[in-house]
Structure formats: C-alpha cells, structure tokens
Amino acid sequence: TPIEMWDLRLSANAPVELEVPDGFTTAVVVLRGALRASGSEPIRDAEVALFDRTGGRIQLEAAEETKALLLAGLPI
C-alpha cells in the first residue's frame, strides 16, 4: 500500500501547512520538542497525534525547535 513519511524539523513560531491524501491514516510523532496540530493541545516528546482520514491540510506550529515524523498510509 502507498505510504508517506516526512522527516520534519520545525522552527519555533513558524507555522507550516502539509497536504495529506484523502483516505490515508495519518499520524504525527514528536521526537523532540513540542507542536500544535491544527490548533490542538500541545503534542510533546514521545507523543503521537492521529488525524481523521478525510485528507486535506494539516497545520503544524512548533512552540520550540521541534523534530517530528509525519506518517501516512492507506489502510491495509
């Protein structure tokens, strides 16, 4: 099945928008730092955020220098 894996390095207070395909299961894993996803509560070190499979844009904003992975794929 198709997958996407993005290695993210985000600067503090510099929001980014990422486009994810419709129907994909999508998660963001914070490896170091903290971020908010589309206005969520802060996601910190070793935490994971899961998104709806509706696709579209995800806005990420780091509160500090942050390293994260965005993982997306079609369900098997």
C-alpha atoms as a PDB file:
ATOM      1  CA  THR A   1       0.000   0.000   0.000  1.00  0.00           C
ATOM      2  CA  PRO A   2       1.198   3.569  -0.613  1.00  0.00           C
ATOM      3  CA  ILE A   3       2.775   5.395   2.318  1.00  0.00           C
ATOM      4  CA  GLU A   4       4.236   8.811   3.006  1.00  0.00           C
ATOM      5  CA  MET A   5       6.893   9.518   5.640  1.00  0.00           C
ATOM      6  CA  TRP A   6       8.066  13.076   6.261  1.00  0.00           C
ATOM      7  CA  ASP A   7      11.037  13.959   8.459  1.00  0.00           C
ATOM      8  CA  LEU A   8      10.037  17.335   9.920  1.00  0.00           C
ATOM      9  CA  ARG A   9      12.329  19.900  11.527  1.00  0.00           C
ATOM     10  CA  LEU A  10      10.221  22.835  12.617  1.00  0.00           C
ATOM     11  CA  SER A  11      11.344  26.237  13.872  1.00  0.00           C
ATOM     12  CA  ALA A  12       9.524  27.924  16.745  1.00  0.00           C
ATOM     13  CA  ASN A  13       6.519  30.058  15.774  1.00  0.00           C
ATOM     14  CA  ALA A  14       6.814  29.307  12.048  1.00  0.00           C
ATOM     15  CA  PRO A  15       3.591  27.502  11.066  1.00  0.00           C
ATOM     16  CA  VAL A  16       3.571  25.112   8.114  1.00  0.00           C
ATOM     17  CA  GLU A  17       0.706  23.504   6.199  1.00  0.00           C
ATOM     18  CA  LEU A  18       1.040  19.978   4.863  1.00  0.00           C
ATOM     19  CA  GLU A  19      -1.283  18.295   2.379  1.00  0.00           C
ATOM     20  CA  VAL A  20      -2.180  14.673   3.145  1.00  0.00           C
ATOM     21  CA  PRO A  21      -4.106  12.395   0.764  1.00  0.00           C
ATOM     22  CA  ASP A  22      -7.767  11.597   1.363  1.00  0.00           C
ATOM     23  CA  GLY A  23      -8.361   8.169   2.909  1.00  0.00           C
ATOM     24  CA  PHE A  24      -4.884   7.849   4.428  1.00  0.00           C
ATOM     25  CA  THR A  25      -4.377   7.100   8.115  1.00  0.00           C
ATOM     26  CA  THR A  26      -2.135   9.950   9.298  1.00  0.00           C
ATOM     27  CA  ALA A  27      -0.123  10.410  12.492  1.00  0.00           C
ATOM     28  CA  VAL A  28       2.478  12.888  13.730  1.00  0.00           C
ATOM     29  CA  VAL A  29       5.108  11.584  16.168  1.00  0.00           C
ATOM     30  CA  VAL A  30       7.062  14.230  18.111  1.00  0.00           C
ATOM     31  CA  LEU A  31      10.629  13.047  18.606  1.00  0.00           C
ATOM     32  CA  ARG A  32      11.923  16.210  20.307  1.00  0.00           C
ATOM     33  CA  GLY A  33      10.212  19.482  21.182  1.00  0.00           C
ATOM     34  CA  ALA A  34       6.528  20.391  21.117  1.00  0.00           C
ATOM     35  CA  LEU A  35       3.977  21.392  18.494  1.00  0.00           C
ATOM     36  CA  ARG A  36       0.299  22.018  17.927  1.00  0.00           C
ATOM     37  CA  ALA A  37      -1.562  20.368  15.063  1.00  0.00           C
ATOM     38  CA  SER A  38      -4.428  22.415  13.632  1.00  0.00           C
ATOM     39  CA  GLY A  39      -4.902  24.211  16.972  1.00  0.00           C
ATOM     40  CA  SER A  40      -4.687  21.085  19.164  1.00  0.00           C
ATOM     41  CA  GLU A  41      -3.350  20.843  22.674  1.00  0.00           C
ATOM     42  CA  PRO A  42       0.466  20.669  22.690  1.00  0.00           C
ATOM     43  CA  ILE A  43       1.969  17.387  21.465  1.00  0.00           C
ATOM     44  CA  ARG A  44       5.279  16.777  23.239  1.00  0.00           C
ATOM     45  CA  ASP A  45       8.283  14.419  23.185  1.00  0.00           C
ATOM     46  CA  ALA A  46       7.297  10.787  22.516  1.00  0.00           C
ATOM     47  CA  GLU A  47       3.620  11.669  21.935  1.00  0.00           C
ATOM     48  CA  VAL A  48       1.558  10.819  18.861  1.00  0.00           C
ATOM     49  CA  ALA A  49      -1.378  12.642  17.262  1.00  0.00           C
ATOM     50  CA  LEU A  50      -3.789  10.774  14.964  1.00  0.00           C
ATOM     51  CA  PHE A  51      -5.887  12.539  12.314  1.00  0.00           C
ATOM     52  CA  ASP A  52      -9.166  11.783  10.530  1.00  0.00           C
ATOM     53  CA  ARG A  53      -8.890  10.003   7.199  1.00  0.00           C
ATOM     54  CA  THR A  54     -10.641  12.860   5.417  1.00  0.00           C
ATOM     55  CA  GLY A  55      -7.378  14.166   3.991  1.00  0.00           C
ATOM     56  CA  GLY A  56      -6.662  17.793   3.301  1.00  0.00           C
ATOM     57  CA  ARG A  57      -4.346  20.201   5.035  1.00  0.00           C
ATOM     58  CA  ILE A  58      -2.773  19.854   8.450  1.00  0.00           C
ATOM     59  CA  GLN A  59      -1.332  22.960  10.047  1.00  0.00           C
ATOM     60  CA  LEU A  60       1.620  22.423  12.397  1.00  0.00           C
ATOM     61  CA  GLU A  61       3.142  25.074  14.627  1.00  0.00           C
ATOM     62  CA  ALA A  62       6.111  24.388  16.883  1.00  0.00           C
ATOM     63  CA  ALA A  63       6.429  26.084  20.271  1.00  0.00           C
ATOM     64  CA  GLU A  64      10.198  25.454  20.177  1.00  0.00           C
ATOM     65  CA  GLU A  65      12.705  23.810  17.848  1.00  0.00           C
ATOM     66  CA  THR A  66      10.973  20.500  17.092  1.00  0.00           C
ATOM     67  CA  LYS A  67      11.808  17.277  15.290  1.00  0.00           C
ATOM     68  CA  ALA A  68       8.867  15.085  14.270  1.00  0.00           C
ATOM     69  CA  LEU A  69       7.735  12.425  11.805  1.00  0.00           C
ATOM     70  CA  LEU A  70       4.535  12.575   9.793  1.00  0.00           C
ATOM     71  CA  LEU A  71       3.420   9.074   8.805  1.00  0.00           C
ATOM     72  CA  ALA A  72       0.538   8.455   6.408  1.00  0.00           C
ATOM     73  CA  GLY A  73      -0.681   5.430   4.509  1.00  0.00           C
ATOM     74  CA  LEU A  74      -3.677   3.701   3.026  1.00  0.00           C
ATOM     75  CA  PRO A  75      -5.237   1.209   5.429  1.00  0.00           C
ATOM     76  CA  ILE A  76      -4.446  -2.406   4.615  1.00  0.00           C
END
